[in-house]
Amino acid sequence: MNIETRVAPPFRMEEWLAAAAGARQIDLSHPMQKGMPIHPAHPPFHITLNNRHGDVLRCCGHSSSNELMVTSTHSSTHIDALCHVSEHGALYGKHIAAEEQQGTGLFKVHGAETIGPIFRRAVLLDVAKTLGVEALEPAYEVSVADLEAAEKASGTQLRPGDIALVRTGWARFWADSPRYLGLDSAGAPGPGVAAGHWLAERRPFSVGSDTSAFEVMNHHDITLEVHMILIARNGIHIIENLDLEELSGAAAGAFAFVALPVRISGATGSPIRPIALV
């Protein structure tokens, strides 16, 4: 019996570098800085100079400075690990959360160190642009119809393993923490439960948005059920606090998405600096 052996084509480094260099590179992250918006569920961010130039001056003239940073793994632009959310006490794959978080080593399964380097096809679902607004209203629930219209407007379709990015327009409020977090209004926009199921059915590797919680945050009814649908039930990562404004004016169809999560063992998330190549 003949068995066909398929050999992967050799990696052509120079061609890959040339293609990357010829693409427009768009940074999709926000800076980590004092005063940036932090979702109320997460610890605050703090950074300060620990050593200053001149504290120690060596005979050759050398002096150095460094800082101390205290942060959640869910500060600024970040990706949720699969141990971040449980449903009725169970993580994705039916692991019992109470057992997996015992001890001092954080989580034994689904930690941030298990998220590999991300080099994937991505699609921008620009809901704000499709609806003809600069930014969605506070607590606006993105519907299935909104996502379908945005997908059609993108000129392509989501495929299994893709990155699906939902633009609400709220990145423009990043410098105004109360407004960005929806603390001075009814809440922040994002997909509702039906839209969460729609996304999960398309089996993306990850979804992301330009808000602090991805899903709709209506202060009158906060359930975070979309997180359970995506992470706990389907093993789909969520990326939050993206800056999608420049991408909104540049993306046409699918594009390349590159990001490197930090390998923090047992952590529930990781800061990332994602780049779109268009």
Protein backbone atom coordinates (compact mmCIF):
# COMPACT_ATOMS: atom_id res chain seq x y z
CA MET A 1 0.00 0.00 0.00
CA ASN A 2 1.38 3.36 -1.00
CA ILE A 3 1.25 6.02 1.67
CA GLU A 4 1.50 9.57 0.42
CA THR A 5 3.99 11.61 2.40
CA ARG A 6 3.41 15.32 2.42
CA VAL A 7 6.40 17.49 3.15
CA ALA A 8 5.91 21.09 4.21
CA PRO A 9 7.50 23.57 1.81
CA PRO A 10 10.79 25.02 3.07
CA PHE A 11 10.58 28.29 4.95
CA ARG A 12 11.91 31.08 2.78
CA MET A 13 13.14 33.65 5.26
CA GLU A 14 14.05 36.35 2.77
CA GLU A 15 10.65 36.17 1.07
CA TRP A 16 8.87 36.37 4.40
CA LEU A 17 10.95 39.34 5.55
CA ALA A 18 10.42 41.13 2.25
CA ALA A 19 6.67 40.62 2.44
CA ALA A 20 6.55 41.84 6.05
CA ALA A 21 8.70 44.87 5.23
CA GLY A 22 6.44 45.73 2.31
CA ALA A 23 3.27 45.63 4.40
CA ARG A 24 1.84 48.51 6.38
CA GLN A 25 2.43 47.73 10.05
CA ILE A 26 -0.26 49.02 12.38
CA ASP A 27 0.22 48.89 16.15
CA LEU A 28 -3.05 47.77 17.77
CA SER A 29 -1.95 48.33 21.38
CA HIS A 30 -2.30 51.08 23.93
CA PRO A 31 0.72 52.14 26.02
CA MET A 32 1.04 50.99 29.62
CA GLN A 33 1.11 54.21 31.61
CA LYS A 34 -0.03 55.84 34.83
CA GLY A 35 -3.67 56.83 34.76
CA MET A 36 -4.69 54.45 32.00
CA PRO A 37 -8.14 52.84 32.23
CA ILE A 38 -8.25 49.68 34.32
CA HIS A 39 -11.40 47.58 34.45
CA PRO A 40 -12.78 47.71 38.03
CA ALA A 41 -12.45 43.93 38.36
CA HIS A 42 -8.66 44.13 38.08
CA PRO A 43 -5.93 45.50 40.39
CA PRO A 44 -4.59 48.99 39.69
CA PHE A 45 -1.45 49.72 37.70
CA HIS A 46 1.53 51.47 39.28
CA ILE A 47 5.01 52.26 38.00
CA THR A 48 7.75 54.37 39.54
CA LEU A 49 11.49 54.88 39.21
CA ASN A 50 13.19 52.63 41.73
CA ASN A 51 16.75 53.79 41.01
CA ARG A 52 17.48 57.20 39.52
CA HIS A 53 20.52 58.43 37.60
CA GLY A 54 22.98 59.79 40.11
CA ASP A 55 21.94 57.49 42.96
CA VAL A 56 25.08 55.48 42.17
CA LEU A 57 27.79 57.09 40.04
CA ARG A 58 30.74 54.88 39.16
CA CYS A 59 34.25 56.16 38.68
CA CYS A 60 34.02 55.69 34.90
CA GLY A 61 31.01 58.00 34.78
CA HIS A 62 28.42 55.23 34.48
CA SER A 63 25.00 55.66 36.09
CA SER A 64 21.77 53.78 35.49
CA SER A 65 18.10 53.90 36.30
CA ASN A 66 15.31 51.34 36.51
CA GLU A 67 11.71 51.13 37.56
CA LEU A 68 9.38 49.07 39.69
CA MET A 69 6.07 48.10 38.09
CA VAL A 70 3.06 46.61 39.85
CA THR A 71 0.41 45.41 37.43
CA SER A 72 -2.32 42.93 36.72
CA THR A 73 -1.83 40.72 33.68
CA HIS A 74 -5.06 42.34 32.46
CA SER A 75 -3.67 45.88 32.19
CA SER A 76 -3.73 47.80 28.91
CA THR A 77 -3.88 45.64 25.75
CA HIS A 78 -3.90 42.01 26.87
CA ILE A 79 -5.12 38.52 26.09
CA ASP A 80 -7.16 36.34 28.45
CA ALA A 81 -5.80 32.89 29.17
CA LEU A 82 -8.31 30.04 29.31
CA CYS A 83 -8.02 29.82 33.11
CA HIS A 84 -9.41 33.36 33.43
CA VAL A 85 -13.08 32.35 33.40
CA SER A 86 -15.01 29.42 34.82
CA GLU A 87 -18.62 28.31 34.47
CA HIS A 88 -20.21 26.80 37.54
CA GLY A 89 -16.73 26.16 38.90
CA ALA A 90 -15.33 24.51 35.78
CA LEU A 91 -12.64 25.79 33.41
CA TYR A 92 -12.53 24.96 29.70
CA GLY A 93 -12.21 21.20 29.28
CA LYS A 94 -14.14 20.57 32.54
CA HIS A 95 -11.13 21.16 34.76
CA ILE A 96 -12.28 21.99 38.30
CA ALA A 97 -11.13 25.54 38.99
CA ALA A 98 -10.87 25.08 42.75
CA GLU A 99 -8.41 22.21 42.26
CA GLU A 100 -6.37 23.83 39.51
CA GLN A 101 -5.78 27.04 41.49
CA GLN A 102 -4.63 25.37 44.71
CA GLY A 103 -1.12 26.04 46.00
CA THR A 104 1.30 28.87 45.30
CA GLY A 105 1.99 28.15 41.63
CA LEU A 106 -1.14 29.85 40.27
CA PHE A 107 -3.04 27.72 37.73
CA LYS A 108 -1.91 24.21 36.82
CA VAL A 109 -3.74 24.25 33.47
CA HIS A 110 -4.53 26.85 30.79
CA GLY A 111 -2.06 29.44 32.10
CA ALA A 112 -0.74 32.27 29.95
CA GLU A 113 2.40 30.27 29.22
CA THR A 114 0.27 27.89 27.13
CA ILE A 115 -0.67 30.64 24.64
CA GLY A 116 1.80 30.29 21.80
CA PRO A 117 3.10 33.01 19.49
CA ILE A 118 0.23 34.30 17.38
CA PHE A 119 0.70 34.55 13.60
CA ARG A 120 -2.81 34.32 12.18
CA ARG A 121 -5.32 35.55 9.64
CA ALA A 122 -7.59 38.24 11.07
CA VAL A 123 -10.78 40.04 10.11
CA LEU A 124 -11.97 43.43 11.38
CA LEU A 125 -15.70 43.53 12.11
CA ASP A 126 -16.07 47.30 12.08
CA VAL A 127 -19.51 47.63 13.64
CA ALA A 128 -19.20 51.38 14.28
CA LYS A 129 -18.32 52.13 10.65
CA THR A 130 -21.02 49.80 9.34
CA LEU A 131 -23.60 51.64 11.43
CA GLY A 132 -22.26 54.99 10.23
CA VAL A 133 -21.14 56.31 13.62
CA GLU A 134 -17.77 57.30 15.10
CA ALA A 135 -18.47 55.29 18.24
CA LEU A 136 -21.31 53.14 19.51
CA GLU A 137 -23.56 54.45 22.27
CA PRO A 138 -22.90 53.52 25.92
CA ALA A 139 -24.10 50.00 26.75
CA TYR A 140 -24.98 49.36 23.09
CA GLU A 141 -25.46 45.62 22.59
CA VAL A 142 -23.82 44.46 19.37
CA SER A 143 -26.24 42.05 17.71
CA VAL A 144 -25.86 39.15 15.31
CA ALA A 145 -27.22 41.40 12.56
CA ASP A 146 -24.51 43.96 13.36
CA LEU A 147 -21.75 41.34 13.10
CA GLU A 148 -23.14 39.89 9.89
CA ALA A 149 -23.36 43.35 8.33
CA ALA A 150 -19.80 44.15 9.42
CA GLU A 151 -18.52 40.85 8.06
CA LYS A 152 -20.22 41.51 4.73
CA ALA A 153 -18.74 45.02 4.62
CA SER A 154 -15.27 43.60 5.24
CA GLY A 155 -15.43 41.76 1.91
CA THR A 156 -14.37 38.46 3.42
CA GLN A 157 -15.55 35.82 5.88
CA LEU A 158 -14.31 34.55 9.20
CA ARG A 159 -12.63 31.16 9.06
CA PRO A 160 -11.89 28.69 11.86
CA GLY A 161 -8.68 29.68 13.61
CA ASP A 162 -8.95 33.37 12.68
CA ILE A 163 -8.71 36.41 14.92
CA ALA A 164 -12.04 38.31 14.94
CA LEU A 165 -11.72 41.96 16.00
CA VAL A 166 -14.86 43.94 16.84
CA ARG A 167 -14.56 47.73 16.56
CA THR A 168 -16.95 49.88 18.61
CA GLY A 169 -15.02 53.14 18.23
CA TRP A 170 -14.37 53.41 21.96
CA ALA A 171 -10.57 53.47 21.62
CA ARG A 172 -10.96 57.21 20.98
CA PHE A 173 -11.97 57.58 24.66
CA TRP A 174 -8.83 55.88 26.04
CA ALA A 175 -7.51 59.12 27.58
CA ASP A 176 -10.79 59.60 29.51
CA SER A 177 -10.92 56.64 31.91
CA PRO A 178 -14.45 57.13 33.32
CA ARG A 179 -15.89 57.46 29.82
CA TYR A 180 -13.85 54.61 28.34
CA LEU A 181 -14.85 52.26 31.16
CA GLY A 182 -18.48 53.38 30.97
CA LEU A 183 -18.42 54.54 34.58
CA ASP A 184 -20.02 57.91 33.80
CA SER A 185 -22.78 56.44 31.63
CA ALA A 186 -25.00 53.38 31.26
CA GLY A 187 -21.92 51.29 30.43
CA ALA A 188 -19.73 50.30 27.50
CA PRO A 189 -20.74 48.69 24.19
CA GLY A 190 -19.96 45.18 23.03
CA PRO A 191 -21.41 41.88 21.81
CA GLY A 192 -24.37 40.44 23.65
CA VAL A 193 -25.10 36.77 24.32
CA ALA A 194 -26.53 36.04 20.87
CA ALA A 195 -23.54 37.68 19.21
CA GLY A 196 -21.25 35.70 21.52
CA HIS A 197 -22.79 32.45 20.28
CA TRP A 198 -22.45 33.65 16.67
CA LEU A 199 -18.75 34.28 17.16
CA ALA A 200 -18.20 30.96 18.96
CA GLU A 201 -19.88 29.05 16.13
CA ARG A 202 -17.22 30.37 13.73
CA ARG A 203 -14.47 28.81 15.86
CA PRO A 204 -11.95 31.66 15.92
CA PHE A 205 -8.70 31.27 17.83
CA SER A 206 -9.42 34.56 19.53
CA VAL A 207 -11.79 37.50 19.48
CA GLY A 208 -10.92 41.03 20.52
CA SER A 209 -12.29 44.54 20.80
CA ASP A 210 -11.47 48.15 21.63
CA THR A 211 -13.17 48.08 25.05
CA SER A 212 -12.10 46.93 28.51
CA ALA A 213 -14.46 43.95 28.73
CA PHE A 214 -15.15 42.92 25.10
CA GLU A 215 -18.81 42.15 25.78
CA VAL A 216 -21.54 44.69 26.45
CA MET A 217 -21.29 46.20 29.92
CA ASN A 218 -24.75 47.38 30.94
CA HIS A 219 -24.55 48.47 34.56
CA HIS A 220 -28.17 47.47 35.08
CA ASP A 221 -27.49 43.84 34.11
CA ILE A 222 -23.85 42.70 34.22
CA THR A 223 -23.52 38.93 33.79
CA LEU A 224 -20.30 38.48 31.76
CA GLU A 225 -21.98 35.51 30.09
CA VAL A 226 -20.20 36.14 26.79
CA HIS A 227 -16.87 35.47 28.55
CA MET A 228 -18.26 32.09 29.67
CA ILE A 229 -19.50 31.25 26.18
CA LEU A 230 -16.18 32.03 24.54
CA ILE A 231 -13.57 31.04 27.12
CA ALA A 232 -15.09 28.45 29.46
CA ARG A 233 -17.25 26.61 26.92
CA ASN A 234 -15.32 26.96 23.68
CA GLY A 235 -11.68 27.67 24.56
CA ILE A 236 -11.58 30.95 22.62
CA HIS A 237 -9.22 33.64 23.90
CA ILE A 238 -10.40 37.24 24.35
CA ILE A 239 -8.19 40.26 23.63
CA GLU A 240 -9.22 43.54 25.26
CA ASN A 241 -8.24 47.22 25.10
CA LEU A 242 -7.19 47.18 21.45
CA ASP A 243 -6.66 50.38 19.49
CA LEU A 244 -8.50 49.77 16.22
CA GLU A 245 -8.79 53.36 14.98
CA GLU A 246 -5.94 53.34 12.46
CA LEU A 247 -6.83 49.84 11.34
CA SER A 248 -10.39 50.98 10.65
CA GLY A 249 -9.14 53.26 7.92
CA ALA A 250 -6.72 50.75 6.44
CA ALA A 251 -8.14 47.24 6.64
CA ALA A 252 -9.74 45.81 3.54
CA GLY A 253 -10.58 42.15 3.86
CA ALA A 254 -8.35 39.80 5.79
CA PHE A 255 -4.97 40.83 7.19
CA ALA A 256 -2.13 39.27 9.14
CA PHE A 257 -2.21 39.52 12.94
CA VAL A 258 0.99 39.07 14.96
CA ALA A 259 1.31 39.09 18.75
CA LEU A 260 3.56 37.48 21.36
CA PRO A 261 1.98 36.77 24.75
CA VAL A 262 4.38 36.79 27.69
CA ARG A 263 5.02 33.30 29.11
CA ILE A 264 3.81 33.91 32.67
CA SER A 265 3.33 30.48 34.20
CA GLY A 266 -0.14 29.88 35.60
CA ALA A 267 -1.31 33.44 34.93
CA THR A 268 -4.86 34.27 33.86
CA GLY A 269 -3.71 36.66 31.13
CA SER A 270 -0.78 38.41 29.50
CA PRO A 271 0.00 41.85 28.12
CA ILE A 272 0.54 41.77 24.35
CA ARG A 273 1.56 44.18 21.62
CA PRO A 274 -0.37 43.08 18.54
CA ILE A 275 0.53 44.27 15.05
CA ALA A 276 -1.67 44.20 11.95
CA LEU A 277 0.08 43.73 8.60
CA VAL A 278 -2.11 45.10 5.81
